[in-house]
């Protein structure tokens, strides 16, 4: 039982491709979900690094550190940067997938 190009173990009819509206909705949902995920991850990593750096700076200066600086000056800019990079990356990948889908559908019709 050899089925090439199939993502299932059972041989049989291949799945229908979703319509353009459903496909577009799935891609945009994926883009928004991954952007939110990477923004949250950037916020967490930025906050961790910000707390460490503010605590280290306070220890070096022998002062009580203001931990709100970790949010304001480190965590939020890192989250914005990681979220915007994730959004741009996922939009580019969705565009590549759309071009690939368009080529595959046009070659299947011929």
N, C-alpha and C. Protein backbone atom coordinates (compact mmCIF):
# COMPACT_ATOMS: atom_id res chain seq x y z
N UNK A 1 0.85 -1.17 0.00
CA UNK A 1 0.00 0.00 0.00
C UNK A 1 0.89 1.23 0.00
N UNK A 2 1.09 1.80 -1.16
CA UNK A 2 1.96 2.96 -1.28
C UNK A 2 1.13 4.12 -1.81
N UNK A 3 1.00 5.14 -0.99
CA UNK A 3 0.25 6.33 -1.37
C UNK A 3 1.20 7.50 -1.22
N UNK A 4 1.56 8.11 -2.31
CA UNK A 4 2.49 9.24 -2.27
C UNK A 4 1.72 10.55 -2.18
N UNK A 5 2.25 11.45 -1.43
CA UNK A 5 1.63 12.77 -1.29
C UNK A 5 0.46 12.78 -0.33
N UNK A 6 0.18 11.69 0.33
CA UNK A 6 -0.94 11.63 1.26
C UNK A 6 -0.44 11.80 2.68
N UNK A 7 -1.24 12.47 3.49
CA UNK A 7 -0.87 12.67 4.89
C UNK A 7 -1.58 11.67 5.79
N UNK A 8 -2.26 10.71 5.22
CA UNK A 8 -2.94 9.70 6.01
C UNK A 8 -2.29 8.36 5.77
N UNK A 9 -2.52 7.44 6.67
CA UNK A 9 -1.98 6.11 6.52
C UNK A 9 -2.86 5.23 5.64
N UNK A 10 -4.13 5.59 5.56
CA UNK A 10 -5.06 4.79 4.77
C UNK A 10 -5.16 5.32 3.36
N UNK A 11 -5.14 4.44 2.40
CA UNK A 11 -5.31 4.86 1.02
C UNK A 11 -6.77 5.14 0.74
N UNK A 12 -7.04 6.04 -0.13
CA UNK A 12 -8.42 6.37 -0.44
C UNK A 12 -8.49 7.72 -1.11
N UNK A 13 -9.68 8.27 -1.06
CA UNK A 13 -9.89 9.58 -1.68
C UNK A 13 -9.17 10.66 -0.87
N UNK A 14 -8.57 11.58 -1.58
CA UNK A 14 -7.89 12.68 -0.90
C UNK A 14 -8.93 13.68 -0.40
N UNK A 15 -8.53 14.46 0.58
CA UNK A 15 -9.43 15.44 1.16
C UNK A 15 -9.66 16.59 0.19
N UNK A 16 -10.84 17.18 0.28
CA UNK A 16 -11.10 18.38 -0.51
C UNK A 16 -10.35 19.55 0.10
N UNK A 17 -9.89 20.44 -0.74
CA UNK A 17 -9.24 21.64 -0.25
C UNK A 17 -10.30 22.60 0.26
N UNK A 18 -10.03 23.31 1.35
CA UNK A 18 -11.02 24.27 1.83
C UNK A 18 -11.17 25.44 0.86
N UNK A 19 -12.30 26.09 0.93
CA UNK A 19 -12.54 27.23 0.04
C UNK A 19 -11.60 28.37 0.43
N UNK A 20 -11.53 29.38 -0.46
CA UNK A 20 -10.63 30.50 -0.20
C UNK A 20 -11.02 31.24 1.07
N UNK A 21 -12.32 31.37 1.32
CA UNK A 21 -12.77 32.09 2.51
C UNK A 21 -12.35 31.35 3.79
N UNK A 22 -12.55 30.05 3.82
CA UNK A 22 -12.16 29.26 5.00
C UNK A 22 -10.65 29.25 5.14
N UNK A 23 -9.94 29.10 4.04
CA UNK A 23 -8.48 29.06 4.07
C UNK A 23 -7.92 30.38 4.59
N UNK A 24 -8.48 31.50 4.11
CA UNK A 24 -8.03 32.82 4.55
C UNK A 24 -8.33 33.03 6.03
N UNK A 25 -9.51 32.61 6.47
CA UNK A 25 -9.87 32.74 7.88
C UNK A 25 -8.93 31.92 8.76
N UNK A 26 -8.58 30.72 8.32
CA UNK A 26 -7.65 29.89 9.08
C UNK A 26 -6.28 30.53 9.16
N UNK A 27 -5.81 31.08 8.06
CA UNK A 27 -4.49 31.72 8.06
C UNK A 27 -4.46 32.94 8.96
N UNK A 28 -5.51 33.77 8.92
CA UNK A 28 -5.51 34.97 9.76
C UNK A 28 -5.66 34.60 11.23
N UNK A 29 -6.42 33.56 11.54
CA UNK A 29 -6.52 33.12 12.93
C UNK A 29 -5.16 32.63 13.41
N UNK A 30 -4.44 31.92 12.55
CA UNK A 30 -3.09 31.44 12.91
C UNK A 30 -2.14 32.61 13.10
N UNK A 31 -2.22 33.60 12.24
CA UNK A 31 -1.36 34.78 12.36
C UNK A 31 -1.62 35.50 13.68
N UNK A 32 -2.88 35.70 14.03
CA UNK A 32 -3.20 36.41 15.26
C UNK A 32 -2.81 35.60 16.49
N UNK A 33 -3.04 34.30 16.45
CA UNK A 33 -2.69 33.45 17.59
C UNK A 33 -1.18 33.42 17.81
N UNK A 34 -0.41 33.25 16.75
CA UNK A 34 1.05 33.22 16.90
C UNK A 34 1.62 34.59 17.28
N UNK A 35 1.02 35.66 16.78
CA UNK A 35 1.46 36.99 17.16
C UNK A 35 1.22 37.23 18.65
N UNK A 36 0.05 36.82 19.13
CA UNK A 36 -0.25 36.95 20.55
C UNK A 36 0.69 36.10 21.39
N UNK A 37 0.97 34.89 20.93
CA UNK A 37 1.87 34.00 21.65
C UNK A 37 3.28 34.58 21.75
N UNK A 38 3.82 35.06 20.63
CA UNK A 38 5.17 35.61 20.64
C UNK A 38 5.24 36.94 21.40
N UNK A 39 4.15 37.70 21.39
CA UNK A 39 4.13 38.94 22.17
C UNK A 39 4.18 38.62 23.66
N UNK A 40 3.41 37.64 24.07
CA UNK A 40 3.43 37.23 25.48
C UNK A 40 4.78 36.66 25.88
N UNK A 41 5.36 35.87 25.00
CA UNK A 41 6.68 35.32 25.29
C UNK A 41 7.73 36.43 25.38
N UNK A 42 7.65 37.40 24.49
CA UNK A 42 8.56 38.54 24.54
C UNK A 42 8.37 39.35 25.81
N UNK A 43 7.12 39.48 26.25
CA UNK A 43 6.84 40.20 27.49
C UNK A 43 7.46 39.47 28.68
N UNK A 44 7.31 38.16 28.71
CA UNK A 44 7.87 37.38 29.81
C UNK A 44 9.39 37.42 29.85
N UNK A 45 10.00 37.22 28.70
CA UNK A 45 11.47 37.25 28.64
C UNK A 45 11.99 38.65 28.94
N UNK A 46 11.32 39.65 28.40
CA UNK A 46 11.74 41.03 28.67
C UNK A 46 11.59 41.40 30.14
N UNK A 47 10.51 40.93 30.76
CA UNK A 47 10.32 41.22 32.18
C UNK A 47 11.36 40.51 33.03
N UNK A 48 11.66 39.26 32.70
CA UNK A 48 12.70 38.53 33.43
C UNK A 48 14.05 39.23 33.32
N UNK A 49 14.43 39.57 32.10
CA UNK A 49 15.71 40.27 31.91
C UNK A 49 15.69 41.65 32.55
N UNK A 50 14.55 42.31 32.49
CA UNK A 50 14.43 43.64 33.11
C UNK A 50 14.56 43.59 34.62
N UNK A 51 13.92 42.60 35.25
CA UNK A 51 14.03 42.47 36.70
C UNK A 51 15.46 42.17 37.11
N UNK A 52 16.10 41.26 36.36
CA UNK A 52 17.49 40.94 36.68
C UNK A 52 18.40 42.16 36.53
N UNK A 53 18.21 42.91 35.45
CA UNK A 53 19.09 44.06 35.23
C UNK A 53 18.82 45.18 36.22
N UNK A 54 17.54 45.43 36.56
CA UNK A 54 17.23 46.49 37.53
C UNK A 54 17.73 46.09 38.92
N UNK A 55 17.60 44.81 39.28
CA UNK A 55 18.10 44.35 40.57
C UNK A 55 19.62 44.43 40.62
N UNK A 56 20.28 44.07 39.53
CA UNK A 56 21.74 44.15 39.50
C UNK A 56 22.21 45.61 39.57
N UNK A 57 21.52 46.48 38.86
CA UNK A 57 21.87 47.90 38.89
C UNK A 57 21.65 48.48 40.28
N UNK A 58 20.57 48.07 40.94
CA UNK A 58 20.32 48.54 42.31
C UNK A 58 21.37 48.02 43.28
N UNK A 59 21.83 46.78 43.07
CA UNK A 59 22.87 46.23 43.94
C UNK A 59 24.20 46.93 43.73
N UNK A 60 24.49 47.26 42.48
CA UNK A 60 25.75 47.95 42.20
C UNK A 60 25.74 49.36 42.79
N UNK A 61 24.61 50.05 42.69
CA UNK A 61 24.52 51.44 43.18
C UNK A 61 24.16 51.51 44.67
N UNK A 62 23.86 50.37 45.30
CA UNK A 62 23.46 50.31 46.70
C UNK A 62 22.21 51.15 46.96
N UNK A 63 21.23 51.00 46.05
CA UNK A 63 19.95 51.69 46.17
C UNK A 63 18.83 50.68 46.05
N UNK A 64 17.67 51.07 46.54
CA UNK A 64 16.48 50.24 46.34
C UNK A 64 16.00 50.45 44.91
N UNK A 65 15.92 49.37 44.11
CA UNK A 65 15.55 49.55 42.70
C UNK A 65 14.05 49.79 42.54
N UNK A 66 13.72 50.58 41.54
CA UNK A 66 12.32 50.83 41.17
C UNK A 66 11.95 49.79 40.11
N UNK A 67 11.20 48.76 40.52
CA UNK A 67 10.90 47.64 39.62
C UNK A 67 9.92 48.01 38.49
N UNK A 68 9.27 49.16 38.62
CA UNK A 68 8.38 49.56 37.53
C UNK A 68 9.18 49.91 36.27
N UNK A 69 10.45 50.21 36.45
CA UNK A 69 11.31 50.48 35.28
C UNK A 69 11.48 49.23 34.43
N UNK A 70 11.42 48.06 35.05
CA UNK A 70 11.55 46.82 34.29
C UNK A 70 10.38 46.67 33.32
N UNK A 71 9.19 47.08 33.73
CA UNK A 71 8.04 47.05 32.83
C UNK A 71 8.15 48.12 31.76
N UNK A 72 8.35 49.37 32.24
CA UNK A 72 8.27 50.51 31.34
C UNK A 72 9.35 50.54 30.27
N UNK A 73 10.58 50.29 30.66
CA UNK A 73 11.69 50.52 29.74
C UNK A 73 12.26 49.26 29.10
N UNK A 74 11.90 48.11 29.60
CA UNK A 74 12.47 46.88 29.04
C UNK A 74 11.39 45.95 28.53
N UNK A 75 10.44 45.59 29.38
CA UNK A 75 9.49 44.54 29.04
C UNK A 75 8.53 44.94 27.90
N UNK A 76 7.95 46.08 27.99
CA UNK A 76 6.98 46.50 26.98
C UNK A 76 7.64 46.72 25.61
N UNK A 77 8.79 47.39 25.51
CA UNK A 77 9.43 47.49 24.19
C UNK A 77 9.84 46.15 23.60
N UNK A 78 10.30 45.21 24.44
CA UNK A 78 10.67 43.89 23.94
C UNK A 78 9.42 43.16 23.44
N UNK A 79 8.30 43.30 24.15
CA UNK A 79 7.05 42.66 23.73
C UNK A 79 6.55 43.26 22.41
N UNK A 80 6.64 44.56 22.26
CA UNK A 80 6.21 45.20 21.01
C UNK A 80 7.10 44.75 19.85
N UNK A 81 8.39 44.69 20.09
CA UNK A 81 9.32 44.27 19.04
C UNK A 81 9.09 42.81 18.65
N UNK A 82 8.97 41.93 19.62
CA UNK A 82 8.77 40.52 19.29
C UNK A 82 7.41 40.29 18.64
N UNK A 83 6.38 40.99 19.09
CA UNK A 83 5.07 40.84 18.48
C UNK A 83 5.01 41.35 17.06
N UNK A 84 5.66 42.49 16.80
CA UNK A 84 5.64 43.01 15.43
C UNK A 84 6.49 42.15 14.50
N UNK A 85 7.61 41.63 15.00
CA UNK A 85 8.41 40.72 14.17
C UNK A 85 7.64 39.44 13.87
N UNK A 86 6.94 38.91 14.86
CA UNK A 86 6.14 37.70 14.64
C UNK A 86 5.01 37.96 13.65
N UNK A 87 4.38 39.12 13.74
CA UNK A 87 3.30 39.45 12.81
C UNK A 87 3.81 39.55 11.38
N UNK A 88 4.93 40.25 11.19
CA UNK A 88 5.49 40.40 9.84
C UNK A 88 5.92 39.05 9.29
N UNK A 89 6.58 38.23 10.12
CA UNK A 89 7.02 36.91 9.69
C UNK A 89 5.84 36.04 9.28
N UNK A 90 4.78 36.02 10.08
CA UNK A 90 3.63 35.17 9.78
C UNK A 90 2.83 35.66 8.58
N UNK A 91 2.78 36.97 8.37
CA UNK A 91 2.12 37.48 7.16
C UNK A 91 2.91 37.08 5.92
N UNK A 92 4.23 37.16 6.00
CA UNK A 92 5.06 36.74 4.86
C UNK A 92 4.88 35.25 4.58
N UNK A 93 4.82 34.43 5.63
CA UNK A 93 4.62 32.99 5.45
C UNK A 93 3.23 32.69 4.88
N UNK A 94 2.22 33.43 5.30
CA UNK A 94 0.88 33.24 4.75
C UNK A 94 0.84 33.63 3.29
N UNK A 95 1.55 34.69 2.94
CA UNK A 95 1.61 35.10 1.54
C UNK A 95 2.30 34.03 0.69
N UNK A 96 3.39 33.46 1.20
CA UNK A 96 4.06 32.36 0.50
C UNK A 96 3.13 31.17 0.33
N UNK A 97 2.37 30.86 1.36
CA UNK A 97 1.44 29.73 1.29
C UNK A 97 0.34 30.01 0.28
N UNK A 98 -0.11 31.27 0.19
CA UNK A 98 -1.14 31.61 -0.78
C UNK A 98 -0.63 31.47 -2.21
N UNK A 99 0.61 31.90 -2.44
CA UNK A 99 1.21 31.75 -3.77
C UNK A 99 1.37 30.28 -4.11
N UNK A 100 1.83 29.49 -3.15
CA UNK A 100 2.01 28.05 -3.37
C UNK A 100 0.66 27.38 -3.65
N UNK A 101 -0.37 27.77 -2.90
CA UNK A 101 -1.71 27.20 -3.10
C UNK A 101 -2.25 27.58 -4.47
N UNK A 102 -2.03 28.82 -4.87
CA UNK A 102 -2.53 29.27 -6.17
C UNK A 102 -1.85 28.51 -7.30
N UNK A 103 -0.53 28.30 -7.18
CA UNK A 103 0.18 27.52 -8.19
C UNK A 103 -0.28 26.08 -8.22
N UNK A 104 -0.49 25.49 -7.05
CA UNK A 104 -0.90 24.09 -6.98
C UNK A 104 -2.31 23.92 -7.56
N UNK A 105 -3.21 24.85 -7.27
CA UNK A 105 -4.57 24.74 -7.80
C UNK A 105 -4.61 24.98 -9.30
N UNK A 106 -3.77 25.90 -9.79
CA UNK A 106 -3.76 26.15 -11.23
C UNK A 106 -3.16 24.98 -11.99
N UNK A 107 -2.15 24.33 -11.40
CA UNK A 107 -1.57 23.16 -12.08
C UNK A 107 -2.49 21.95 -11.99
N UNK A 108 -3.31 21.86 -10.96
CA UNK A 108 -4.26 20.76 -10.83
C UNK A 108 -5.42 20.90 -11.81
N UNK A 109 -5.74 22.11 -12.17
CA UNK A 109 -6.86 22.35 -13.10
C UNK A 109 -6.44 22.07 -14.54
N UNK A 110 -5.15 22.13 -14.84
CA UNK A 110 -4.70 21.93 -16.22
C UNK A 110 -4.61 20.48 -16.57
